[in-house]
N, C-alpha and C. Protein backbone atom coordinates (compact mmCIF):
# COMPACT_ATOMS: atom_id res chain seq x y z
N UNK A 1 -3.00 -20.42 33.79
CA UNK A 1 -2.24 -21.20 32.81
C UNK A 1 -3.06 -21.32 31.54
N UNK A 2 -2.43 -21.28 30.42
CA UNK A 2 -3.13 -21.38 29.15
C UNK A 2 -3.51 -22.83 28.87
N UNK A 3 -4.59 -23.03 28.11
CA UNK A 3 -5.01 -24.36 27.73
C UNK A 3 -4.11 -24.91 26.65
N UNK A 4 -4.22 -26.24 26.39
CA UNK A 4 -3.41 -26.85 25.34
C UNK A 4 -3.74 -26.25 23.98
N UNK A 5 -5.03 -25.93 23.74
CA UNK A 5 -5.42 -25.32 22.47
C UNK A 5 -4.75 -23.97 22.30
N UNK A 6 -4.69 -23.21 23.41
CA UNK A 6 -4.02 -21.91 23.36
C UNK A 6 -2.56 -22.08 23.01
N UNK A 7 -1.92 -23.07 23.64
CA UNK A 7 -0.51 -23.30 23.41
C UNK A 7 -0.24 -23.64 21.95
N UNK A 8 -1.12 -24.49 21.38
CA UNK A 8 -0.95 -24.86 19.98
C UNK A 8 -1.12 -23.65 19.08
N UNK A 9 -2.07 -22.76 19.45
CA UNK A 9 -2.27 -21.54 18.67
C UNK A 9 -1.03 -20.66 18.75
N UNK A 10 -0.49 -20.49 19.96
CA UNK A 10 0.73 -19.70 20.13
C UNK A 10 1.86 -20.29 19.30
N UNK A 11 2.01 -21.62 19.38
CA UNK A 11 3.11 -22.29 18.71
C UNK A 11 3.01 -22.11 17.20
N UNK A 12 1.80 -22.24 16.67
CA UNK A 12 1.60 -22.10 15.22
C UNK A 12 1.79 -20.65 14.78
N UNK A 13 1.20 -19.71 15.50
CA UNK A 13 1.25 -18.30 15.12
C UNK A 13 2.64 -17.73 15.25
N UNK A 14 3.40 -18.17 16.27
CA UNK A 14 4.71 -17.60 16.52
C UNK A 14 5.80 -18.24 15.69
N UNK A 15 5.49 -19.31 14.97
CA UNK A 15 6.52 -20.02 14.23
C UNK A 15 7.24 -19.11 13.25
N UNK A 16 6.49 -18.22 12.58
CA UNK A 16 7.11 -17.36 11.58
C UNK A 16 7.90 -16.23 12.21
N UNK A 17 7.78 -16.05 13.54
CA UNK A 17 8.58 -15.04 14.22
C UNK A 17 9.92 -15.60 14.65
N UNK A 18 10.06 -16.90 14.65
CA UNK A 18 11.27 -17.53 15.17
C UNK A 18 12.46 -17.38 14.25
N UNK A 19 13.65 -17.57 14.83
CA UNK A 19 14.87 -17.50 14.05
C UNK A 19 15.66 -18.79 14.11
N UNK A 20 15.02 -19.84 14.65
CA UNK A 20 15.66 -21.13 14.67
C UNK A 20 16.64 -21.33 15.81
N UNK A 21 16.88 -20.33 16.64
CA UNK A 21 17.81 -20.43 17.75
C UNK A 21 17.01 -20.61 19.04
N UNK A 22 17.44 -21.57 19.85
CA UNK A 22 16.69 -21.89 21.04
C UNK A 22 17.22 -21.16 22.27
N UNK A 23 16.29 -20.82 23.13
CA UNK A 23 16.61 -20.26 24.44
C UNK A 23 15.91 -21.14 25.47
N UNK A 24 15.92 -20.71 26.71
CA UNK A 24 15.27 -21.47 27.78
C UNK A 24 14.14 -20.64 28.37
N UNK A 25 12.97 -21.23 28.48
CA UNK A 25 11.83 -20.54 29.08
C UNK A 25 12.17 -20.18 30.53
N UNK A 26 11.91 -18.95 30.90
CA UNK A 26 12.23 -18.50 32.25
C UNK A 26 11.36 -19.18 33.30
N UNK A 27 10.20 -19.71 32.87
CA UNK A 27 9.26 -20.30 33.82
C UNK A 27 9.43 -21.81 33.97
N UNK A 28 9.27 -22.55 32.86
CA UNK A 28 9.33 -24.01 32.95
C UNK A 28 10.69 -24.58 32.57
N UNK A 29 11.59 -23.71 32.09
CA UNK A 29 12.95 -24.09 31.70
C UNK A 29 12.99 -24.97 30.45
N UNK A 30 11.87 -25.04 29.75
CA UNK A 30 11.84 -25.82 28.52
C UNK A 30 12.43 -25.03 27.37
N UNK A 31 12.70 -25.70 26.23
CA UNK A 31 13.27 -25.01 25.06
C UNK A 31 12.23 -24.12 24.41
N UNK A 32 12.66 -22.94 23.99
CA UNK A 32 11.76 -22.01 23.32
C UNK A 32 12.55 -21.25 22.27
N UNK A 33 11.97 -21.09 21.10
CA UNK A 33 12.62 -20.34 20.04
C UNK A 33 12.82 -18.90 20.51
N UNK A 34 13.97 -18.33 20.19
CA UNK A 34 14.27 -16.97 20.64
C UNK A 34 13.29 -15.94 20.09
N UNK A 35 12.64 -16.25 18.98
CA UNK A 35 11.69 -15.30 18.42
C UNK A 35 10.27 -15.51 18.89
N UNK A 36 10.03 -16.56 19.69
CA UNK A 36 8.67 -16.87 20.11
C UNK A 36 8.18 -15.89 21.18
N UNK A 37 6.90 -15.62 21.14
CA UNK A 37 6.29 -14.73 22.13
C UNK A 37 5.90 -15.50 23.38
N UNK A 38 5.51 -16.76 23.20
CA UNK A 38 5.07 -17.60 24.30
C UNK A 38 5.81 -18.93 24.26
N UNK A 39 6.02 -19.50 25.42
CA UNK A 39 6.66 -20.81 25.50
C UNK A 39 5.70 -21.86 24.95
N UNK A 40 6.14 -22.73 24.03
CA UNK A 40 5.25 -23.75 23.47
C UNK A 40 4.90 -24.84 24.48
N UNK A 41 5.65 -24.92 25.56
CA UNK A 41 5.40 -25.96 26.56
C UNK A 41 4.41 -25.51 27.62
N UNK A 42 4.68 -24.35 28.23
CA UNK A 42 3.81 -23.89 29.32
C UNK A 42 2.91 -22.73 28.93
N UNK A 43 3.16 -22.12 27.75
CA UNK A 43 2.30 -21.03 27.28
C UNK A 43 2.57 -19.69 27.94
N UNK A 44 3.64 -19.57 28.72
CA UNK A 44 3.95 -18.33 29.43
C UNK A 44 4.62 -17.34 28.49
N UNK A 45 4.26 -16.06 28.61
CA UNK A 45 4.85 -15.03 27.77
C UNK A 45 6.35 -14.94 28.05
N UNK A 46 7.12 -14.72 26.98
CA UNK A 46 8.57 -14.63 27.07
C UNK A 46 9.02 -13.18 26.92
N UNK A 47 10.15 -12.81 27.48
CA UNK A 47 10.67 -11.46 27.25
C UNK A 47 11.16 -11.34 25.82
N UNK A 48 11.19 -10.14 25.25
CA UNK A 48 11.66 -10.00 23.86
C UNK A 48 13.16 -10.27 23.74
N UNK A 49 13.51 -10.98 22.71
CA UNK A 49 14.92 -11.23 22.42
C UNK A 49 15.36 -10.30 21.29
N UNK A 50 16.65 -10.25 21.06
CA UNK A 50 17.17 -9.39 20.00
C UNK A 50 16.58 -9.77 18.66
N UNK A 51 16.03 -8.79 17.95
CA UNK A 51 15.44 -9.01 16.63
C UNK A 51 15.27 -7.66 15.97
N UNK A 52 15.33 -7.64 14.64
CA UNK A 52 15.05 -6.38 13.98
C UNK A 52 13.54 -6.17 13.92
N UNK A 53 13.13 -4.99 13.51
CA UNK A 53 11.70 -4.65 13.55
C UNK A 53 10.87 -5.54 12.63
N UNK A 54 11.44 -5.97 11.53
CA UNK A 54 10.69 -6.84 10.61
C UNK A 54 10.47 -8.21 11.24
N UNK A 55 11.53 -8.76 11.82
CA UNK A 55 11.40 -10.06 12.49
C UNK A 55 10.39 -9.99 13.62
N UNK A 56 10.43 -8.90 14.38
CA UNK A 56 9.54 -8.79 15.53
C UNK A 56 8.08 -8.81 15.12
N UNK A 57 7.80 -8.30 13.93
CA UNK A 57 6.41 -8.28 13.46
C UNK A 57 6.11 -9.42 12.50
N UNK A 58 7.07 -10.32 12.32
CA UNK A 58 6.84 -11.47 11.46
C UNK A 58 6.72 -11.12 10.00
N UNK A 59 7.50 -10.11 9.56
CA UNK A 59 7.43 -9.63 8.18
C UNK A 59 8.75 -9.86 7.46
N UNK A 60 8.69 -10.04 6.17
CA UNK A 60 9.90 -10.11 5.37
C UNK A 60 10.54 -8.73 5.32
N UNK A 61 11.87 -8.70 5.37
CA UNK A 61 12.57 -7.43 5.35
C UNK A 61 12.47 -6.82 3.95
N UNK A 62 11.99 -5.59 3.86
CA UNK A 62 11.87 -4.91 2.58
C UNK A 62 11.12 -3.60 2.73
N UNK A 63 11.22 -2.76 1.70
CA UNK A 63 10.59 -1.45 1.76
C UNK A 63 9.09 -1.52 1.54
N UNK A 64 8.65 -2.42 0.67
CA UNK A 64 7.24 -2.50 0.33
C UNK A 64 6.47 -3.31 1.37
N UNK A 65 5.71 -2.61 2.18
CA UNK A 65 4.85 -3.24 3.18
C UNK A 65 3.47 -2.60 3.08
N UNK A 66 2.46 -3.41 2.87
CA UNK A 66 1.11 -2.87 2.81
C UNK A 66 0.67 -2.37 4.18
N UNK A 67 0.05 -1.19 4.21
CA UNK A 67 -0.39 -0.62 5.49
C UNK A 67 -1.35 -1.56 6.21
N UNK A 68 -2.22 -2.24 5.45
CA UNK A 68 -3.19 -3.13 6.07
C UNK A 68 -2.50 -4.34 6.68
N UNK A 69 -1.50 -4.87 5.99
CA UNK A 69 -0.77 -6.03 6.50
C UNK A 69 -0.02 -5.66 7.78
N UNK A 70 0.68 -4.53 7.74
CA UNK A 70 1.45 -4.08 8.90
C UNK A 70 0.54 -3.82 10.09
N UNK A 71 -0.54 -3.10 9.87
CA UNK A 71 -1.45 -2.77 10.97
C UNK A 71 -2.11 -4.01 11.55
N UNK A 72 -2.54 -4.90 10.66
CA UNK A 72 -3.21 -6.12 11.13
C UNK A 72 -2.28 -6.96 11.99
N UNK A 73 -1.03 -7.09 11.54
CA UNK A 73 -0.05 -7.87 12.29
C UNK A 73 0.24 -7.22 13.64
N UNK A 74 0.42 -5.91 13.63
CA UNK A 74 0.75 -5.19 14.86
C UNK A 74 -0.38 -5.29 15.88
N UNK A 75 -1.60 -4.99 15.46
CA UNK A 75 -2.71 -4.98 16.41
C UNK A 75 -3.05 -6.38 16.90
N UNK A 76 -2.82 -7.38 16.05
CA UNK A 76 -3.04 -8.76 16.49
C UNK A 76 -2.06 -9.12 17.61
N UNK A 77 -0.79 -8.77 17.41
CA UNK A 77 0.21 -9.08 18.42
C UNK A 77 0.02 -8.25 19.69
N UNK A 78 -0.30 -6.97 19.52
CA UNK A 78 -0.51 -6.13 20.70
C UNK A 78 -1.71 -6.60 21.52
N UNK A 79 -2.73 -7.11 20.84
CA UNK A 79 -3.91 -7.60 21.56
C UNK A 79 -3.54 -8.78 22.45
N UNK A 80 -2.59 -9.58 21.98
CA UNK A 80 -2.17 -10.75 22.75
C UNK A 80 -1.17 -10.41 23.84
N UNK A 81 -0.45 -9.29 23.65
CA UNK A 81 0.65 -8.97 24.57
C UNK A 81 0.39 -7.75 25.45
N UNK A 82 -0.77 -7.12 25.30
CA UNK A 82 -1.03 -5.91 26.06
C UNK A 82 -0.93 -6.19 27.56
N UNK A 83 -0.23 -5.32 28.29
CA UNK A 83 -0.05 -5.55 29.73
C UNK A 83 -1.35 -5.76 30.50
N UNK A 84 -2.46 -5.20 30.05
CA UNK A 84 -3.74 -5.36 30.75
C UNK A 84 -4.16 -6.83 30.82
N UNK A 85 -3.73 -7.62 29.84
CA UNK A 85 -4.08 -9.04 29.82
C UNK A 85 -3.32 -9.82 30.90
N UNK A 86 -2.27 -9.19 31.43
CA UNK A 86 -1.42 -9.88 32.40
C UNK A 86 -1.46 -9.20 33.77
N UNK A 87 -2.48 -8.39 33.98
CA UNK A 87 -2.57 -7.62 35.23
C UNK A 87 -2.61 -8.52 36.46
N UNK A 88 -3.18 -9.72 36.33
CA UNK A 88 -3.30 -10.61 37.49
C UNK A 88 -2.20 -11.66 37.54
N UNK A 89 -1.24 -11.56 36.62
CA UNK A 89 -0.14 -12.54 36.58
C UNK A 89 1.01 -12.12 37.48
N UNK A 90 2.06 -12.90 37.46
CA UNK A 90 3.22 -12.59 38.29
C UNK A 90 3.93 -11.34 37.79
N UNK A 91 4.78 -10.78 38.63
CA UNK A 91 5.51 -9.57 38.25
C UNK A 91 6.40 -9.84 37.05
N UNK A 92 6.97 -11.04 36.96
CA UNK A 92 7.84 -11.38 35.84
C UNK A 92 7.06 -11.41 34.53
N UNK A 93 5.85 -12.00 34.57
CA UNK A 93 5.02 -12.04 33.37
C UNK A 93 4.59 -10.64 32.96
N UNK A 94 4.22 -9.82 33.93
CA UNK A 94 3.80 -8.44 33.62
C UNK A 94 4.96 -7.67 32.98
N UNK A 95 6.15 -7.85 33.52
CA UNK A 95 7.32 -7.16 32.96
C UNK A 95 7.63 -7.65 31.55
N UNK A 96 7.49 -8.96 31.32
CA UNK A 96 7.76 -9.51 30.00
C UNK A 96 6.76 -9.00 28.97
N UNK A 97 5.48 -8.95 29.35
CA UNK A 97 4.46 -8.47 28.41
C UNK A 97 4.66 -7.00 28.10
N UNK A 98 5.04 -6.21 29.10
CA UNK A 98 5.27 -4.78 28.88
C UNK A 98 6.46 -4.58 27.95
N UNK A 99 7.53 -5.35 28.16
CA UNK A 99 8.71 -5.24 27.30
C UNK A 99 8.38 -5.65 25.87
N UNK A 100 7.58 -6.71 25.71
CA UNK A 100 7.17 -7.14 24.38
C UNK A 100 6.32 -6.07 23.70
N UNK A 101 5.35 -5.53 24.43
CA UNK A 101 4.47 -4.51 23.86
C UNK A 101 5.25 -3.27 23.46
N UNK A 102 6.23 -2.88 24.27
CA UNK A 102 7.05 -1.71 23.98
C UNK A 102 7.89 -1.94 22.73
N UNK A 103 8.49 -3.12 22.62
CA UNK A 103 9.31 -3.45 21.46
C UNK A 103 8.46 -3.48 20.19
N UNK A 104 7.25 -4.02 20.29
CA UNK A 104 6.35 -4.07 19.14
C UNK A 104 5.95 -2.67 18.70
N UNK A 105 5.68 -1.81 19.67
CA UNK A 105 5.27 -0.44 19.34
C UNK A 105 6.40 0.30 18.63
N UNK A 106 7.62 0.12 19.11
CA UNK A 106 8.77 0.76 18.45
C UNK A 106 8.92 0.26 17.02
N UNK A 107 8.75 -1.04 16.83
CA UNK A 107 8.86 -1.62 15.49
C UNK A 107 7.78 -1.06 14.57
N UNK A 108 6.55 -0.99 15.07
CA UNK A 108 5.44 -0.51 14.27
C UNK A 108 5.61 0.96 13.89
N UNK A 109 5.99 1.78 14.86
CA UNK A 109 6.16 3.21 14.59
C UNK A 109 7.27 3.46 13.57
N UNK A 110 8.29 2.64 13.58
CA UNK A 110 9.38 2.79 12.62
C UNK A 110 8.97 2.37 11.22
N UNK A 111 8.28 1.25 11.12
CA UNK A 111 7.97 0.68 9.81
C UNK A 111 6.73 1.28 9.15
N UNK A 112 5.86 1.91 9.91
CA UNK A 112 4.63 2.44 9.31
C UNK A 112 4.88 3.70 8.50
N UNK A 113 5.96 4.42 8.78
CA UNK A 113 6.29 5.64 8.06
C UNK A 113 7.33 5.33 6.98
N UNK A 114 7.05 5.62 5.71
CA UNK A 114 7.99 5.27 4.63
C UNK A 114 9.39 5.84 4.82
N UNK A 115 9.47 7.08 5.35
CA UNK A 115 10.78 7.69 5.52
C UNK A 115 11.60 6.96 6.59
N UNK A 116 11.01 6.74 7.75
CA UNK A 116 11.74 6.05 8.81
C UNK A 116 12.02 4.60 8.42
N UNK A 117 11.11 3.99 7.64
CA UNK A 117 11.34 2.62 7.17
C UNK A 117 12.53 2.55 6.22
N UNK A 118 12.63 3.52 5.33
CA UNK A 118 13.77 3.56 4.40
C UNK A 118 15.07 3.77 5.15
N UNK A 119 15.07 4.71 6.11
CA UNK A 119 16.27 4.98 6.90
C UNK A 119 16.67 3.75 7.71
N UNK A 120 15.68 3.02 8.22
CA UNK A 120 15.97 1.83 9.01
C UNK A 120 16.56 0.72 8.15
N UNK A 121 16.03 0.55 6.95
CA UNK A 121 16.58 -0.46 6.04
C UNK A 121 18.04 -0.14 5.71
N UNK A 122 18.34 1.12 5.49
CA UNK A 122 19.72 1.52 5.23
C UNK A 122 20.59 1.24 6.45
N UNK A 123 20.05 1.52 7.62
CA UNK A 123 20.78 1.27 8.86
C UNK A 123 21.10 -0.21 9.00
N UNK A 124 20.14 -1.08 8.70
CA UNK A 124 20.37 -2.52 8.78
C UNK A 124 21.46 -2.97 7.81
N UNK A 125 21.60 -2.23 6.70
CA UNK A 125 22.61 -2.56 5.71
C UNK A 125 23.96 -1.92 6.02
N UNK A 126 24.03 -1.22 7.16
CA UNK A 126 25.28 -0.59 7.55
C UNK A 126 25.55 0.73 6.87
N UNK A 127 24.51 1.35 6.33
CA UNK A 127 24.66 2.62 5.63
C UNK A 127 24.06 3.73 6.49
N UNK A 128 24.84 4.76 6.73
CA UNK A 128 24.34 5.87 7.53
C UNK A 128 23.24 6.59 6.78
N UNK A 129 22.08 6.64 7.38
CA UNK A 129 20.92 7.26 6.75
C UNK A 129 20.72 8.67 7.28
N UNK A 130 20.07 9.53 6.51
CA UNK A 130 19.79 10.89 6.98
C UNK A 130 18.86 10.87 8.16
N UNK A 131 19.08 11.76 9.11
CA UNK A 131 18.22 11.87 10.28
C UNK A 131 17.71 13.29 10.37
N UNK A 132 16.79 13.52 11.30
CA UNK A 132 16.25 14.86 11.49
C UNK A 132 17.33 15.84 11.91
N UNK A 133 18.38 15.30 12.58
CA UNK A 133 19.42 16.17 13.09
C UNK A 133 20.44 16.56 12.01
N UNK A 134 20.49 15.76 10.93
CA UNK A 134 21.49 16.04 9.90
C UNK A 134 20.92 17.00 8.86
N UNK A 135 21.50 18.16 8.76
CA UNK A 135 20.99 19.15 7.83
C UNK A 135 21.89 19.35 6.62
N UNK A 136 23.01 18.61 6.56
CA UNK A 136 23.95 18.78 5.47
C UNK A 136 23.47 18.03 4.23
N UNK A 137 23.50 18.69 3.09
CA UNK A 137 23.13 18.07 1.81
C UNK A 137 24.38 18.00 0.95
N UNK A 138 24.85 16.77 0.69
CA UNK A 138 26.08 16.58 -0.07
C UNK A 138 25.82 16.49 -1.58
N UNK A 139 24.60 16.14 -1.96
CA UNK A 139 24.24 15.98 -3.37
C UNK A 139 24.06 17.37 -4.00
N UNK A 140 24.91 17.75 -4.97
CA UNK A 140 24.81 19.09 -5.58
C UNK A 140 23.44 19.35 -6.21
N UNK A 141 22.88 18.32 -6.86
CA UNK A 141 21.58 18.49 -7.51
C UNK A 141 20.49 18.74 -6.49
N UNK A 142 20.52 17.97 -5.41
CA UNK A 142 19.52 18.15 -4.35
C UNK A 142 19.74 19.48 -3.64
N UNK A 143 20.99 19.87 -3.46
CA UNK A 143 21.28 21.14 -2.81
C UNK A 143 20.70 22.30 -3.62
N UNK A 144 20.87 22.25 -4.94
CA UNK A 144 20.32 23.30 -5.80
C UNK A 144 18.80 23.32 -5.73
N UNK A 145 18.20 22.13 -5.78
CA UNK A 145 16.74 22.04 -5.69
C UNK A 145 16.26 22.62 -4.36
N UNK A 146 16.98 22.28 -3.30
CA UNK A 146 16.61 22.76 -1.97
C UNK A 146 16.66 24.29 -1.89
N UNK A 147 17.73 24.86 -2.42
CA UNK A 147 17.88 26.31 -2.38
C UNK A 147 16.79 27.01 -3.18
N UNK A 148 16.48 26.48 -4.36
CA UNK A 148 15.47 27.10 -5.22
C UNK A 148 14.08 27.03 -4.58
N UNK A 149 13.75 25.88 -4.00
CA UNK A 149 12.41 25.73 -3.41
C UNK A 149 12.28 26.58 -2.14
N UNK A 150 13.32 26.65 -1.36
CA UNK A 150 13.26 27.44 -0.15
C UNK A 150 13.19 28.94 -0.48
N UNK A 151 13.85 29.32 -1.54
CA UNK A 151 13.78 30.72 -1.98
C UNK A 151 12.36 31.04 -2.43
N UNK A 152 11.76 30.09 -3.16
CA UNK A 152 10.38 30.29 -3.62
C UNK A 152 9.43 30.39 -2.43
N UNK A 153 9.66 29.57 -1.41
CA UNK A 153 8.80 29.61 -0.22
C UNK A 153 8.99 30.93 0.53
N UNK A 154 10.23 31.41 0.61
CA UNK A 154 10.50 32.66 1.30
C UNK A 154 9.84 33.84 0.60
N UNK A 155 9.76 33.78 -0.73
CA UNK A 155 9.20 34.88 -1.51
C UNK A 155 7.68 34.81 -1.62
N UNK A 156 7.11 33.63 -1.38
CA UNK A 156 5.66 33.46 -1.51
C UNK A 156 4.94 34.26 -0.43
N UNK A 157 3.93 35.00 -0.83
CA UNK A 157 3.16 35.82 0.10
C UNK A 157 1.69 35.41 0.15
N UNK A 158 1.13 35.13 -1.00
CA UNK A 158 -0.29 34.79 -1.06
C UNK A 158 -0.52 33.32 -0.69
N UNK A 159 -1.66 33.01 -0.05
CA UNK A 159 -1.97 31.63 0.29
C UNK A 159 -1.93 30.69 -0.92
N UNK A 160 -2.37 31.21 -2.08
CA UNK A 160 -2.36 30.40 -3.29
C UNK A 160 -0.94 30.00 -3.69
N UNK A 161 -0.01 30.91 -3.53
CA UNK A 161 1.38 30.62 -3.88
C UNK A 161 1.97 29.57 -2.94
N UNK A 162 1.67 29.72 -1.66
CA UNK A 162 2.20 28.76 -0.68
C UNK A 162 1.55 27.39 -0.88
N UNK A 163 0.26 27.39 -1.20
CA UNK A 163 -0.45 26.13 -1.43
C UNK A 163 0.16 25.35 -2.58
N UNK A 164 0.58 26.06 -3.62
CA UNK A 164 1.22 25.39 -4.76
C UNK A 164 2.53 24.73 -4.36
N UNK A 165 3.27 25.39 -3.47
CA UNK A 165 4.53 24.83 -2.99
C UNK A 165 4.27 23.58 -2.16
N UNK A 166 3.25 23.62 -1.32
CA UNK A 166 2.87 22.46 -0.52
C UNK A 166 2.50 21.29 -1.42
N UNK A 167 1.63 21.57 -2.41
CA UNK A 167 1.15 20.52 -3.30
C UNK A 167 2.30 19.90 -4.10
N UNK A 168 3.21 20.73 -4.59
CA UNK A 168 4.33 20.24 -5.38
C UNK A 168 5.25 19.36 -4.53
N UNK A 169 5.53 19.79 -3.30
CA UNK A 169 6.40 19.01 -2.41
C UNK A 169 5.76 17.67 -2.06
N UNK A 170 4.46 17.69 -1.78
CA UNK A 170 3.76 16.45 -1.42
C UNK A 170 3.70 15.50 -2.61
N UNK A 171 3.46 16.03 -3.80
CA UNK A 171 3.40 15.19 -5.00
C UNK A 171 4.77 14.56 -5.28
N UNK A 172 5.83 15.36 -5.15
CA UNK A 172 7.17 14.84 -5.41
C UNK A 172 7.58 13.82 -4.35
N UNK A 173 7.16 14.04 -3.10
CA UNK A 173 7.45 13.08 -2.04
C UNK A 173 6.76 11.75 -2.31
N UNK A 174 5.52 11.82 -2.79
CA UNK A 174 4.78 10.61 -3.12
C UNK A 174 5.48 9.84 -4.25
N UNK A 175 5.94 10.58 -5.25
CA UNK A 175 6.65 9.95 -6.36
C UNK A 175 7.97 9.35 -5.88
N UNK A 176 8.58 10.00 -4.92
CA UNK A 176 9.86 9.54 -4.37
C UNK A 176 9.71 8.16 -3.74
N UNK A 177 8.56 7.89 -3.13
CA UNK A 177 8.32 6.59 -2.51
C UNK A 177 8.36 5.48 -3.56
N UNK A 178 7.76 5.74 -4.72
CA UNK A 178 7.75 4.76 -5.78
C UNK A 178 9.15 4.45 -6.29
N UNK A 179 9.98 5.47 -6.44
CA UNK A 179 11.34 5.27 -6.94
C UNK A 179 12.19 4.58 -5.86
N UNK A 180 11.93 4.93 -4.61
CA UNK A 180 12.63 4.28 -3.51
C UNK A 180 12.35 2.78 -3.49
N UNK A 181 11.11 2.42 -3.75
CA UNK A 181 10.73 1.02 -3.79
C UNK A 181 11.56 0.25 -4.81
N UNK A 182 11.73 0.85 -5.98
CA UNK A 182 12.51 0.21 -7.03
C UNK A 182 13.99 0.11 -6.66
N UNK A 183 14.50 1.14 -6.01
CA UNK A 183 15.91 1.14 -5.61
C UNK A 183 16.19 0.03 -4.61
N UNK A 184 15.33 -0.11 -3.61
CA UNK A 184 15.52 -1.17 -2.63
C UNK A 184 15.33 -2.54 -3.26
N UNK A 185 14.34 -2.66 -4.15
CA UNK A 185 14.07 -3.95 -4.79
C UNK A 185 15.24 -4.41 -5.64
N UNK A 186 15.95 -3.46 -6.25
CA UNK A 186 17.09 -3.81 -7.11
C UNK A 186 18.40 -3.91 -6.33
N UNK A 187 18.36 -3.56 -5.06
CA UNK A 187 19.56 -3.62 -4.23
C UNK A 187 20.50 -2.45 -4.42
N UNK A 188 20.01 -1.38 -5.04
CA UNK A 188 20.84 -0.19 -5.26
C UNK A 188 20.74 0.70 -4.01
N UNK A 189 21.56 0.38 -3.01
CA UNK A 189 21.45 1.06 -1.73
C UNK A 189 21.98 2.49 -1.76
N UNK A 190 22.95 2.76 -2.62
CA UNK A 190 23.44 4.13 -2.73
C UNK A 190 22.36 5.04 -3.30
N UNK A 191 21.64 4.54 -4.30
CA UNK A 191 20.53 5.30 -4.85
C UNK A 191 19.42 5.44 -3.81
N UNK A 192 19.19 4.38 -3.05
CA UNK A 192 18.18 4.42 -2.00
C UNK A 192 18.54 5.47 -0.94
N UNK A 193 19.83 5.57 -0.63
CA UNK A 193 20.27 6.58 0.33
C UNK A 193 20.03 7.98 -0.22
N UNK A 194 20.36 8.19 -1.50
CA UNK A 194 20.16 9.50 -2.11
C UNK A 194 18.68 9.87 -2.10
N UNK A 195 17.84 8.92 -2.45
CA UNK A 195 16.40 9.16 -2.51
C UNK A 195 15.82 9.38 -1.11
N UNK A 196 16.34 8.67 -0.13
CA UNK A 196 15.87 8.85 1.24
C UNK A 196 16.18 10.26 1.73
N UNK A 197 17.36 10.76 1.35
CA UNK A 197 17.73 12.14 1.71
C UNK A 197 16.77 13.12 1.06
N UNK A 198 16.45 12.89 -0.21
CA UNK A 198 15.52 13.79 -0.92
C UNK A 198 14.11 13.68 -0.32
N UNK A 199 13.71 12.49 0.00
CA UNK A 199 12.39 12.26 0.60
C UNK A 199 12.28 13.02 1.92
N UNK A 200 13.31 12.95 2.73
CA UNK A 200 13.35 13.67 4.01
C UNK A 200 13.22 15.17 3.78
N UNK A 201 13.97 15.67 2.79
CA UNK A 201 13.94 17.10 2.49
C UNK A 201 12.55 17.54 2.03
N UNK A 202 11.93 16.76 1.14
CA UNK A 202 10.61 17.12 0.63
C UNK A 202 9.56 17.13 1.74
N UNK A 203 9.63 16.15 2.64
CA UNK A 203 8.71 16.13 3.77
C UNK A 203 8.88 17.36 4.65
N UNK A 204 10.14 17.73 4.88
CA UNK A 204 10.42 18.90 5.72
C UNK A 204 9.93 20.17 5.05
N UNK A 205 10.14 20.29 3.75
CA UNK A 205 9.69 21.46 3.01
C UNK A 205 8.18 21.58 3.07
N UNK A 206 7.49 20.47 2.84
CA UNK A 206 6.02 20.48 2.88
C UNK A 206 5.53 20.88 4.28
N UNK A 207 6.20 20.40 5.31
CA UNK A 207 5.83 20.74 6.69
C UNK A 207 6.00 22.24 6.95
N UNK A 208 7.13 22.78 6.51
CA UNK A 208 7.38 24.21 6.71
C UNK A 208 6.41 25.06 5.91
N UNK A 209 6.09 24.60 4.70
CA UNK A 209 5.15 25.36 3.87
C UNK A 209 3.75 25.33 4.46
N UNK A 210 3.34 24.20 5.01
CA UNK A 210 2.02 24.13 5.65
C UNK A 210 1.96 25.04 6.87
N UNK A 211 3.07 25.12 7.60
CA UNK A 211 3.12 26.02 8.75
C UNK A 211 2.99 27.48 8.29
N UNK A 212 3.66 27.82 7.19
CA UNK A 212 3.54 29.17 6.63
C UNK A 212 2.12 29.44 6.19
N UNK A 213 1.50 28.46 5.57
CA UNK A 213 0.14 28.61 5.08
C UNK A 213 -0.84 28.86 6.22
N UNK A 214 -0.63 28.19 7.36
CA UNK A 214 -1.52 28.37 8.50
C UNK A 214 -1.42 29.79 9.09
N UNK A 215 -0.29 30.44 8.84
CA UNK A 215 -0.12 31.80 9.38
C UNK A 215 -0.40 32.89 8.35
N UNK A 216 -0.62 32.45 7.10
CA UNK A 216 -0.83 33.42 6.02
C UNK A 216 -2.18 34.11 6.18
N UNK A 217 -2.26 35.40 5.89
CA UNK A 217 -3.55 36.11 5.97
C UNK A 217 -4.50 35.61 4.91
N UNK A 218 -5.74 35.54 5.24
CA UNK A 218 -6.75 35.06 4.28
C UNK A 218 -7.02 36.11 3.21
């Protein structure tokens, strides 16, 4: 059983994860916020409740997330919820900690990558975002850019030529992140969707070009 100091720490740290809706602790049957990781009464780990990835990590919903903030929050929570910490507890506690750790990992993996984070934000807004499986480009301007760059990659033979294509795609993808940030900040979700599609394409192009470069003769 956790000490009273531990419980107070849990209660204070988990407050920003809560959503104000109460559930019942599976162990002591006391009231517990649906977003809390531990029961404030008995300190027992709770199973994860429905929450988006931002809520699960105690972050404000938005595209701009510092890598250090995200990582620090994730590793802090995982350290507290890792199944190894509950190896000697009951089967219910072990299952709850594993479910919490799995949910946290999914949230972290989604939010740490700018492309998947942008697609997820669009998804939360009810906008269908581009996925790896969707290869259709509806934007005429992006379609033309895609055709021209792929033609250039197909024609490139020398490592220097392929390297230039890689560098250009990576530079444009980096710039795309900055413009995406502004689109989300201003609430222009249609522009954010267009930019997310372009960002996905640029990442894919850079990946294919790097693969070509690795096979190119020296």
